[in-house]
Protein backbone atom coordinates (compact mmCIF):
# COMPACT_ATOMS: atom_id res chain seq x y z
CA MET A 1 0.00 0.00 0.00
CA ARG A 2 1.32 3.45 -0.88
CA PHE A 3 1.00 6.18 1.75
CA ALA A 4 1.66 9.20 -0.42
CA MET A 5 -1.50 10.98 0.74
CA THR A 6 -1.21 14.26 2.56
CA ARG A 7 -3.36 15.23 5.52
CA GLN A 8 -5.53 17.34 3.20
CA HIS A 9 -6.10 14.40 0.88
CA LEU A 10 -7.19 12.25 3.79
CA PHE A 11 -9.82 14.67 4.97
CA LYS A 12 -10.99 16.07 1.64
CA ALA A 13 -11.21 12.92 -0.50
CA PRO A 14 -14.93 11.98 -0.77
CA LEU A 15 -16.16 8.59 0.45
CA ASP A 16 -18.27 6.35 -1.80
CA ARG A 17 -21.75 7.21 -0.48
CA ALA A 18 -23.37 4.34 -2.37
CA GLY A 19 -21.09 1.87 -0.71
CA LEU A 20 -21.87 3.28 2.73
CA GLN A 21 -25.61 3.15 2.04
CA ASN A 22 -25.31 -0.51 1.10
CA GLY A 23 -23.95 -1.26 4.60
CA GLY A 24 -20.25 -1.53 3.78
CA LEU A 25 -17.25 0.55 2.86
CA ALA A 26 -16.72 1.19 -0.79
CA THR A 27 -13.57 -0.15 -2.35
CA LEU A 28 -12.29 3.41 -2.95
CA ALA A 29 -13.05 4.56 0.62
CA ARG A 30 -11.41 1.64 2.39
CA PRO A 31 -7.70 2.47 1.73
CA ARG A 32 -8.30 6.13 2.55
CA LEU A 33 -9.82 5.27 5.92
CA LEU A 34 -6.98 2.87 6.66
CA ALA A 35 -4.44 5.56 5.81
CA LEU A 36 -6.30 8.03 8.03
CA ALA A 37 -6.24 5.58 10.93
CA LEU A 38 -2.53 4.97 10.43
CA TRP A 39 -1.78 8.72 10.32
CA MET A 40 -3.74 9.33 13.52
CA GLY A 41 -2.06 6.39 15.23
CA ILE A 42 1.43 7.62 14.40
CA GLY A 43 0.57 11.09 15.70
CA MET A 44 -0.78 9.67 18.96
CA GLY A 45 2.33 7.51 19.34
CA VAL A 46 4.65 10.51 18.92
CA CYS A 47 2.70 12.49 21.52
CA ALA A 48 2.83 9.55 23.92
CA ALA A 49 6.60 9.20 23.49
CA GLN A 50 7.14 12.90 24.10
CA SER A 51 4.91 12.98 27.17
CA ALA A 52 6.85 10.02 28.64
CA PHE A 53 9.99 12.15 29.17
CA PRO A 54 11.78 11.75 31.46
CA GLN A 55 11.76 7.97 31.69
CA ARG A 56 14.65 7.51 34.12
CA PRO A 57 17.09 9.54 36.28
CA ILE A 58 18.91 12.36 34.48
CA ARG A 59 22.70 12.79 34.54
CA LEU A 60 23.93 16.36 34.89
CA ILE A 61 27.61 16.60 34.03
CA VAL A 62 29.31 19.53 35.79
CA PRO A 63 32.66 20.23 34.08
CA VAL A 64 34.48 21.45 37.21
CA ALA A 65 35.51 20.03 40.55
CA ALA A 66 32.99 19.88 43.38
CA GLY A 67 32.82 22.79 45.78
CA GLY A 68 33.23 25.79 43.45
CA GLY A 69 30.67 28.38 42.41
CA ALA A 70 29.60 26.49 39.27
CA ASP A 71 29.05 23.30 41.25
CA MET A 72 26.97 25.10 43.89
CA VAL A 73 24.71 26.65 41.26
CA ALA A 74 24.27 23.33 39.43
CA ARG A 75 23.28 21.42 42.55
CA MET A 76 20.96 24.14 43.79
CA VAL A 77 19.03 24.45 40.53
CA SER A 78 18.99 20.75 39.60
CA GLU A 79 17.48 19.84 42.98
CA LYS A 80 14.41 21.94 42.18
CA MET A 81 14.27 20.72 38.60
CA ALA A 82 14.17 17.13 39.84
CA HIS A 83 11.03 17.85 41.86
CA LYS A 84 9.37 19.35 38.80
CA LEU A 85 10.37 16.52 36.46
CA GLY A 86 9.59 13.74 38.92
CA VAL A 87 12.92 11.94 38.55
CA PRO A 88 16.31 12.31 40.30
CA ILE A 89 18.99 14.44 38.68
CA VAL A 90 22.38 12.96 39.48
CA VAL A 91 25.22 15.49 39.44
CA GLU A 92 28.58 14.16 38.20
CA ASN A 93 31.68 16.34 38.45
CA LYS A 94 34.09 15.76 35.56
CA ALA A 95 36.83 18.34 35.65
CA GLY A 96 39.75 18.63 33.27
CA ALA A 97 40.90 20.46 30.14
CA SER A 98 38.96 23.54 31.20
CA GLY A 99 35.66 21.70 30.90
CA SER A 100 36.44 20.16 27.51
CA ILE A 101 36.43 16.57 28.79
CA ALA A 102 32.88 16.91 30.09
CA ALA A 103 31.76 18.78 26.98
CA MET A 104 33.03 16.05 24.64
CA GLU A 105 31.29 13.35 26.67
CA VAL A 106 27.94 15.13 26.57
CA ALA A 107 28.29 16.02 22.89
CA LYS A 108 28.54 12.27 22.13
CA ALA A 109 25.72 11.21 24.48
CA ALA A 110 22.34 9.98 23.29
CA PRO A 111 20.15 12.99 22.42
CA ASP A 112 17.21 11.93 24.58
CA GLY A 113 17.39 14.53 27.37
CA HIS A 114 18.71 12.10 29.99
CA THR A 115 22.30 13.40 29.78
CA LEU A 116 22.83 17.13 30.29
CA MET A 117 25.75 19.45 30.93
CA GLN A 118 26.16 22.61 32.89
CA CYS A 119 27.68 24.71 30.11
CA PHE A 120 29.49 27.86 31.16
CA VAL A 121 31.98 30.51 30.08
CA ALA A 122 34.90 28.12 29.57
CA THR A 123 33.12 25.40 27.59
CA HIS A 124 31.09 27.71 25.36
CA SER A 125 32.92 31.05 25.31
CA THR A 126 36.63 31.00 26.02
CA ASN A 127 37.68 27.46 25.08
CA PRO A 128 36.62 27.89 21.44
CA ALA A 129 38.65 31.08 21.26
CA VAL A 130 41.93 29.74 22.60
CA LEU A 131 42.08 25.93 22.69
CA PRO A 132 42.13 23.19 20.01
CA ILE A 133 38.88 21.69 21.27
CA LYS A 134 37.37 18.58 19.67
CA TYR A 135 33.76 19.70 19.85
CA ASP A 136 31.73 22.50 18.32
CA PRO A 137 30.15 24.68 21.04
CA ILE A 138 27.22 25.53 18.77
CA ALA A 139 26.65 22.56 16.43
CA ASP A 140 27.19 19.80 19.02
CA PHE A 141 24.72 21.05 21.63
CA ALA A 142 21.05 21.88 22.07
CA PRO A 143 20.83 24.97 24.32
CA VAL A 144 18.25 24.51 27.10
CA GLY A 145 18.51 27.77 29.04
CA MET A 146 20.51 30.04 31.31
CA MET A 147 20.86 29.30 35.01
CA ALA A 148 22.53 32.36 36.50
CA ARG A 149 25.31 34.92 36.12
CA THR A 150 27.69 36.84 38.36
CA SER A 151 30.69 39.16 38.33
CA ASN A 152 34.33 38.12 38.16
CA VAL A 153 36.57 39.70 40.77
CA LEU A 154 40.32 40.15 41.00
CA VAL A 155 41.43 38.95 44.45
CA VAL A 156 44.79 38.55 46.17
CA GLY A 157 45.77 36.19 48.94
CA PRO A 158 47.05 36.90 52.45
CA LYS A 159 50.71 37.20 51.41
CA ASN A 160 50.09 39.83 48.75
CA THR A 161 50.25 43.40 50.09
CA ALA A 162 48.35 45.14 47.26
CA LYS A 163 45.35 47.19 48.45
CA ASN A 164 44.13 48.22 45.00
CA LEU A 165 44.68 47.51 41.31
CA ALA A 166 47.39 50.15 40.90
CA GLU A 167 49.45 48.62 43.73
CA PHE A 168 48.90 45.14 42.32
CA LEU A 169 50.21 46.18 38.92
CA ALA A 170 53.19 47.93 40.49
CA LEU A 171 54.07 44.80 42.46
CA ALA A 172 53.71 42.67 39.34
CA ARG A 173 56.10 44.89 37.40
CA ALA A 174 58.57 44.98 40.26
CA SER A 175 58.55 41.18 40.54
CA GLN A 176 59.78 40.95 36.93
CA GLY A 177 57.41 38.12 36.06
CA ALA A 178 57.62 36.24 39.35
CA MET A 179 54.10 37.03 40.62
CA SER A 180 51.71 34.13 40.08
CA TYR A 181 48.00 33.53 39.72
CA SER A 182 45.81 30.44 39.79
CA SER A 183 42.96 29.50 37.46
CA ALA A 184 40.35 26.80 37.02
CA GLY A 185 42.30 25.50 34.02
CA SER A 186 44.03 26.58 30.85
CA GLY A 187 41.56 28.44 28.67
CA SER A 188 39.03 28.85 31.47
CA ALA A 189 37.38 32.19 32.19
CA THR A 190 39.58 32.62 35.26
CA HIS A 191 42.60 32.14 33.00
CA LEU A 192 41.50 34.20 30.02
CA ILE A 193 40.24 37.20 32.01
CA MET A 194 43.61 37.45 33.78
CA ALA A 195 45.39 37.06 30.44
CA TYR A 196 43.20 39.86 29.11
CA LEU A 197 44.19 42.01 32.10
CA GLU A 198 47.86 41.25 31.41
CA SER A 199 47.50 42.35 27.79
CA GLN A 200 45.73 45.58 28.75
CA THR A 201 48.09 46.52 31.58
CA LYS A 202 51.35 45.28 30.01
CA VAL A 203 52.33 43.11 32.97
CA HIS A 204 53.38 39.47 33.01
CA LEU A 205 52.29 36.91 35.61
CA VAL A 206 53.03 33.22 36.08
CA HIS A 207 49.97 31.07 35.35
CA ALA A 208 49.19 28.10 37.63
CA PRO A 209 46.24 26.10 36.14
CA TYR A 210 44.15 23.78 38.33
CA LYS A 211 41.31 21.33 37.70
CA GLY A 212 38.53 23.64 38.83
CA ALA A 213 38.02 26.81 40.83
CA ALA A 214 37.88 25.08 44.24
CA PRO A 215 41.47 23.75 44.30
CA ALA A 216 42.71 26.94 42.62
CA ILE A 217 41.29 29.14 45.35
CA GLN A 218 42.53 26.83 48.10
CA ASP A 219 46.12 27.35 47.00
CA LEU A 220 45.46 31.09 46.82
CA LEU A 221 44.26 31.00 50.42
CA GLY A 222 47.33 28.98 51.36
CA GLY A 223 49.69 31.48 49.79
CA GLN A 224 51.06 29.17 47.09
CA VAL A 225 49.92 31.71 44.46
CA ASP A 226 49.42 35.48 44.64
CA ALA A 227 46.16 36.25 42.85
CA MET A 228 43.12 34.93 40.98
CA PHE A 229 40.19 36.25 38.92
CA PRO A 230 37.35 33.92 40.10
CA SER A 231 33.61 34.45 40.00
CA LEU A 232 32.19 36.42 42.89
CA THR A 233 30.11 33.34 43.72
CA THR A 234 33.32 31.47 44.51
CA ALA A 235 35.18 34.34 46.16
CA LEU A 236 32.52 36.18 48.19
CA PRO A 237 32.62 34.00 51.35
CA TYR A 238 36.39 34.48 51.58
CA ILE A 239 36.14 38.21 50.89
CA LYS A 240 33.57 38.59 53.67
CA ALA A 241 35.74 36.56 56.04
CA GLY A 242 38.75 38.77 55.30
CA LYS A 243 40.75 35.87 53.87
CA LEU A 244 40.91 37.38 50.37
CA ARG A 245 41.17 41.03 49.34
CA ALA A 246 39.07 42.21 46.36
CA LEU A 247 40.81 44.74 44.12
CA ALA A 248 38.51 45.15 41.11
CA VAL A 249 35.53 43.57 39.32
CA ALA A 250 35.42 42.78 35.60
CA SER A 251 31.71 43.53 35.19
CA PRO A 252 30.55 46.71 33.40
CA GLN A 253 29.21 48.15 36.68
CA ARG A 254 30.16 47.74 40.32
CA ASP A 255 28.58 44.76 41.98
CA PRO A 256 25.98 45.68 44.64
CA LEU A 257 27.32 42.99 46.96
CA ILE A 258 30.75 44.65 47.09
CA PRO A 259 29.96 48.24 46.04
CA HIS A 260 33.22 49.58 47.44
CA VAL A 261 35.22 47.58 44.87
CA PRO A 262 35.70 49.52 41.59
CA THR A 263 35.50 48.07 38.09
CA VAL A 264 38.63 47.50 36.01
CA ALA A 265 37.11 49.81 33.39
CA GLU A 266 36.81 52.78 35.74
CA LEU A 267 40.40 52.31 36.91
CA GLY A 268 41.80 53.35 33.56
CA PHE A 269 40.97 50.45 31.23
CA PRO A 270 37.72 51.38 29.48
CA GLY A 271 35.83 48.59 27.76
CA PHE A 272 37.22 45.89 30.02
CA SER A 273 34.22 43.64 30.69
CA ALA A 274 33.62 39.96 31.42
CA ILE A 275 30.95 38.12 33.38
CA GLN A 276 30.63 34.58 34.62
CA TRP A 277 27.52 32.65 33.60
CA TRP A 278 26.13 29.13 33.88
CA GLY A 279 23.60 27.44 31.63
CA LEU A 280 22.15 24.07 30.73
CA CYS A 281 22.89 22.23 27.47
CA ALA A 282 21.82 18.90 25.98
CA PRO A 283 23.40 16.96 23.10
CA ALA A 284 22.57 18.21 19.60
CA HIS A 285 19.43 16.75 18.02
CA THR A 286 17.64 16.40 21.35
CA PRO A 287 13.94 16.63 20.35
CA ALA A 288 12.46 20.11 20.68
CA PRO A 289 9.60 18.90 22.94
CA VAL A 290 12.16 17.40 25.35
CA VAL A 291 14.17 20.65 25.36
CA ALA A 292 10.93 22.52 26.06
CA VAL A 293 10.18 20.30 29.07
CA LEU A 294 13.70 20.86 30.44
CA ASN A 295 13.52 24.62 29.83
CA ALA A 296 10.19 24.84 31.66
CA ALA A 297 11.60 22.92 34.62
CA LEU A 298 14.71 25.11 34.69
CA ASN A 299 12.79 28.40 34.59
CA ASP A 300 10.33 27.09 37.17
CA ALA A 301 13.26 26.38 39.49
CA LEU A 302 14.69 29.88 38.95
CA ALA A 303 11.30 31.45 39.76
CA GLN A 304 11.13 29.90 43.23
CA ALA A 305 11.78 32.31 46.07
CA ASP A 306 14.14 30.05 48.00
CA VAL A 307 16.29 29.47 44.90
CA GLN A 308 16.45 33.20 44.22
CA ARG A 309 17.40 33.84 47.83
CA ARG A 310 20.08 31.14 47.85
CA LEU A 311 21.52 32.34 44.55
CA ALA A 312 21.63 35.91 45.88
CA ASP A 313 23.43 34.65 48.99
CA THR A 314 26.12 33.23 46.71
CA ALA A 315 26.35 36.41 44.60
CA ALA A 316 24.57 34.87 41.61
CA GLU A 317 21.62 36.38 39.72
CA PRO A 318 18.98 34.00 38.31
CA THR A 319 18.70 34.59 34.56
CA PRO A 320 15.77 32.74 32.97
CA MET A 321 15.72 32.54 29.17
CA THR A 322 13.94 30.61 26.45
CA SER A 323 16.04 28.02 24.64
CA ASP A 324 16.12 30.27 21.56
CA GLN A 325 17.32 33.25 23.60
CA PHE A 326 20.05 31.12 25.14
CA ALA A 327 21.11 29.87 21.71
CA THR A 328 21.52 33.48 20.54
CA PHE A 329 23.48 34.32 23.70
CA LEU A 330 25.90 31.43 23.11
CA LYS A 331 26.62 32.51 19.54
CA THR A 332 27.29 36.06 20.76
CA GLU A 333 29.66 34.81 23.47
CA VAL A 334 31.73 32.72 21.07
CA SER A 335 32.02 35.64 18.66
CA LYS A 336 32.88 38.11 21.43
CA TRP A 337 35.71 36.08 22.96
CA THR A 338 37.15 35.03 19.61
CA ARG A 339 37.33 38.69 18.57
CA LEU A 340 38.72 39.78 21.96
CA VAL A 341 41.50 37.20 21.92
CA LYS A 342 42.47 38.12 18.38
CA ASP A 343 42.41 41.88 18.98
CA ALA A 344 44.41 41.59 22.22
CA GLY A 345 46.90 39.17 20.70
CA ILE A 346 46.42 36.70 23.53
CA GLN A 347 48.04 33.30 23.07
CA ILE A 348 47.23 30.51 25.49
CA VAL A 349 49.62 27.60 25.99
CA PRO A 350 47.69 24.63 27.46
């Protein structure tokens, strides 16, 4: 039997009235009714398959070590999403290669919505600009939505005497390249923002890459390195406790949580701007209805008062978006950082 009929053919083709009046289906009407039944059955089956998502626990791959700002945001938001979706969301931390290891795993995962990744600045902004990554940040992923964003802040440890950016730069020049800084990995935002600062201020620092923000900041606290440019989410508890000193923020405006700390731009480097953000991505070709279910659960989580309060306590701002809006944001980020790296002449050695 050939099923070349369109939906319009199925509904507009006339039935054999004589055959119906004789108590049976006419020969011409019979194949059309069978095709109609098949078409309706397929449609109902597709709807049933879509409504069945999720069918089992969901894996959320977080591409950094446990304990940092990204990890805190992922666990906070995914806990609420799990309640909405009715299945557990299991967080797996897979640090390394500035998030690229996790990104490659998720890019190759089955596109059924049961494997997700917390995408962020490194995996979808800075890595493509500076590292020979083996995944495409746009083509290999289905954007689900934004989780939150925050400022990045230049901080120094207890052994560094700088009280402001000018003193920090003076110490860096006097050290003749001996002053060091830690990062969450080569090509990460914490690496690239500091490299950008070096290019703008004409100073040279020694880079010490780590597998995530948590171990990087621990060595800063211990005095093994002099400085870092982490997210405010990661650094705020230590700034409040007096264990780290904030010198400048990379955001376009001062952050209301540390309003006394000036921006890099207002300290003589206009245009200097970078924010930290976290989002949710699925493998490419994940069905649109599944992405829609995940996006709704994500935005529902971000709308809850206790999530907003907890994010604010960690210096993060909930940033709900549609999946299309997030897709546009990702394309803009890749373009921005690629242009910035090229214009500043920044070269990153992994």
